[in-house]
Protein backbone atom coordinates (compact mmCIF):
# COMPACT_ATOMS: atom_id res chain seq x y z
CA MET A 1 -20.88 19.89 3.60
CA PRO A 2 -17.07 18.96 4.30
CA LEU A 3 -15.72 16.31 2.98
CA TYR A 4 -13.10 13.92 5.20
CA GLU A 5 -11.21 10.82 4.34
CA SER A 6 -10.80 8.07 7.04
CA VAL A 7 -8.69 4.79 7.27
CA PHE A 8 -9.23 2.33 10.02
CA ILE A 9 -7.35 -1.02 10.72
CA ALA A 10 -8.79 -4.13 12.35
CA ARG A 11 -7.43 -6.95 13.81
CA GLN A 12 -5.67 -9.50 11.82
CA ASP A 13 -8.00 -12.75 13.21
CA ILE A 14 -11.57 -11.51 11.66
CA SER A 15 -12.21 -12.02 8.38
CA SER A 16 -12.55 -10.16 4.90
CA ALA A 17 -16.41 -9.93 5.14
CA GLN A 18 -16.09 -9.06 8.90
CA ALA A 19 -14.33 -6.16 7.94
CA GLU A 20 -16.90 -5.04 5.42
CA GLN A 21 -19.58 -5.31 7.59
CA LEU A 22 -17.67 -3.25 10.05
CA THR A 23 -17.39 -0.63 7.32
CA THR A 24 -21.28 -1.27 6.74
CA GLU A 25 -22.21 -0.31 10.46
CA PHE A 26 -19.82 2.83 10.08
CA SER A 27 -21.38 3.82 7.02
CA GLU A 28 -25.21 3.31 8.11
CA VAL A 29 -23.59 6.02 11.42
CA ILE A 30 -22.75 8.10 8.62
CA THR A 31 -25.49 7.86 6.47
CA ASN A 32 -28.35 8.40 9.17
CA MET A 33 -26.71 11.61 10.17
CA GLY A 34 -26.91 13.22 7.02
CA GLY A 35 -23.79 12.31 5.54
CA GLU A 36 -23.08 10.06 2.50
CA ILE A 37 -20.29 7.81 1.57
CA LYS A 38 -18.49 8.83 -1.63
CA ASN A 39 -15.96 5.93 -2.11
CA THR A 40 -14.97 3.06 -0.39
CA GLU A 41 -11.79 0.79 -1.04
CA PHE A 42 -10.66 -2.48 0.89
CA TRP A 43 -7.09 -2.93 0.78
CA GLY A 44 -6.91 -6.15 2.15
CA LEU A 45 -4.93 -7.51 4.72
CA ARG A 46 -1.21 -6.07 5.19
CA SER A 47 1.61 -5.51 7.31
CA LEU A 48 2.01 -3.42 10.08
CA SER A 49 5.10 -1.35 10.28
CA TYR A 50 5.07 -1.97 14.20
CA LYS A 51 2.85 -4.28 16.16
CA ILE A 52 -0.51 -2.79 17.64
CA LYS A 53 -2.22 -5.15 20.01
CA LYS A 54 -0.24 -8.07 19.46
CA ASN A 55 -1.11 -7.71 15.91
CA ARG A 56 1.54 -8.26 12.68
CA LYS A 57 -0.84 -7.44 10.38
CA GLY A 58 -4.17 -5.51 9.80
CA HIS A 59 -7.10 -5.09 7.80
CA TYR A 60 -7.14 -1.61 6.08
CA VAL A 61 -10.28 0.43 4.57
CA LEU A 62 -10.57 3.41 3.11
CA LEU A 63 -13.40 5.55 3.26
CA HIS A 64 -13.97 8.85 1.15
CA ILE A 65 -17.23 10.70 3.19
CA GLU A 66 -18.97 13.94 3.22
CA ALA A 67 -20.92 14.78 6.21
CA PRO A 68 -21.47 16.94 8.92
CA ALA A 69 -18.38 16.84 11.47
CA GLU A 70 -20.72 15.70 14.32
CA ALA A 71 -21.19 12.29 11.98
CA ILE A 72 -17.32 11.84 11.63
CA THR A 73 -16.84 12.33 15.69
CA GLU A 74 -19.50 9.61 16.28
CA MET A 75 -18.55 7.52 13.54
CA GLU A 76 -14.95 7.64 15.60
CA ARG A 77 -16.20 7.08 19.26
CA LEU A 78 -17.81 3.83 17.88
CA MET A 79 -14.29 3.07 16.30
CA ARG A 80 -12.99 3.55 19.58
CA LEU A 81 -15.21 1.21 21.43
CA ASN A 82 -14.69 -1.64 18.83
CA GLU A 83 -12.55 -4.51 19.94
CA ASP A 84 -11.55 -5.08 16.28
CA VAL A 85 -10.73 -1.80 15.13
CA LEU A 86 -7.00 -1.18 16.10
CA ARG A 87 -6.20 2.66 14.72
CA TYR A 88 -8.00 5.23 12.49
CA ILE A 89 -7.25 8.43 11.28
CA SER A 90 -9.62 10.62 9.77
CA LEU A 91 -8.75 14.21 8.01
CA ARG A 92 -10.65 16.66 6.46
CA LEU A 93 -10.15 17.27 2.63
CA GLU A 94 -10.70 20.18 0.66
CA GLU A 95 -11.95 18.37 -2.21
CA LEU A 96 -12.02 14.39 -2.61
CA PRO A 97 -9.66 12.45 -5.18
CA GLU A 98 -10.35 11.52 -8.64
CA GLY A 99 -9.79 7.76 -9.25
CA PRO A 100 -8.29 5.34 -6.72
CA SER A 101 -5.80 5.68 -4.39
CA ALA A 102 -2.17 4.92 -4.42
CA ILE A 103 -2.52 1.34 -2.60
CA VAL A 104 -5.06 0.65 -5.12
CA LEU A 105 -2.99 1.25 -7.74
CA ALA A 106 0.50 0.00 -6.25
CA LYS A 107 -1.38 -2.96 -6.06
CA THR A 108 -2.91 -2.93 -9.57
CA GLU A 109 0.57 -2.10 -11.02
CA ARG A 110 2.01 -5.55 -9.35
CA THR A 111 -0.01 -7.59 -10.62
CA ASP A 112 0.37 -6.67 -14.00
CA ARG A 113 4.08 -6.92 -13.73
CA GLY A 114 3.61 -10.73 -12.63
CA GLY A 115 3.63 -10.94 -9.19
CA ARG A 116 6.12 -9.08 -6.25
CA GLY A 117 8.96 -9.17 -8.07
CA GLY A 118 8.04 -12.73 -9.64
CA ARG A 119 11.37 -13.84 -12.58
CA PRO A 120 9.60 -13.63 -15.58
CA GLY A 121 10.15 -10.46 -16.88
CA GLY A 122 12.44 -9.49 -14.01
CA GLY A 123 11.47 -6.30 -11.84
CA GLY A 124 12.70 -8.32 -8.43
CA ARG A 125 13.16 -6.28 -5.31
CA PHE A 126 17.02 -5.39 -5.94
CA ASP A 127 16.69 -5.25 -10.10
CA ARG A 128 18.50 -1.95 -11.45
CA GLY A 129 16.97 -2.92 -14.79
CA ASP A 130 20.35 -1.39 -16.43
CA ARG A 131 21.86 -4.98 -15.69
CA PRO A 132 21.42 -7.92 -18.65
CA GLU A 133 20.08 -11.22 -17.85
CA ARG A 134 22.49 -13.79 -16.91
CA GLY A 135 21.99 -15.17 -20.29
CA ASP A 136 23.50 -12.06 -21.90
CA ARG A 137 26.58 -11.91 -19.74
CA PRO A 138 29.94 -13.15 -21.75
CA GLU A 139 31.23 -16.15 -21.24
CA ARG A 140 34.70 -16.01 -19.13
CA GLY A 141 36.94 -16.63 -21.87
CA ASP A 142 35.51 -13.55 -23.82
CA ARG A 143 36.12 -11.54 -21.03
CA PRO A 144 39.45 -9.65 -20.71
CA GLU A 145 42.77 -10.87 -19.22
CA ARG A 146 43.21 -10.09 -15.49
CA GLY A 147 46.59 -8.25 -17.12
CA ASP A 148 44.27 -6.51 -19.73
CA ARG A 149 42.46 -4.82 -16.82
CA GLU A 150 45.57 -3.60 -15.10
CA GLN A 151 46.95 -2.24 -18.04
CA ALA A 152 43.53 -0.67 -19.20
CA SER A 153 43.48 1.04 -15.72
CA SER A 154 47.00 2.28 -15.57
CA GLU A 155 46.43 3.82 -19.21
CA ALA A 156 43.12 5.39 -17.88
CA GLN A 157 45.62 7.20 -14.79
CA GLY A 158 48.00 8.73 -17.06
CA ASP A 159 51.08 6.40 -15.99
């Protein structure tokens, strides 16, 4: 049987439990038509790149499916009719990926670092990683005077 990866986005107004209920309904369609759900990932409430039907966020869900094409067609038809589903896409795969998706991996890395760019440990949004912490910078008195810098730059240029 062919393998598929299907992602759908549900409206931000519904609860997480309702998003899981939608997933269960779509999974039942697949299993009733002779298919099998291999993996399900709830990516949670995420921001959309642009507004879709006046929504700025959506509940993302990933399904890895092994099913006949008719089952995928029927699931997509139900997604199209459901008002809570903003967008969906189903792709045929040669083989299912091993382990968690990149979205889940990024989420776990972010929580391991201590949040979204939180200060303890650095790693903020604009942190280059090669700069010393504020406390490690030399005091103003330890810095070379401006005259020394101008003299050093002129020596470097060979004047």
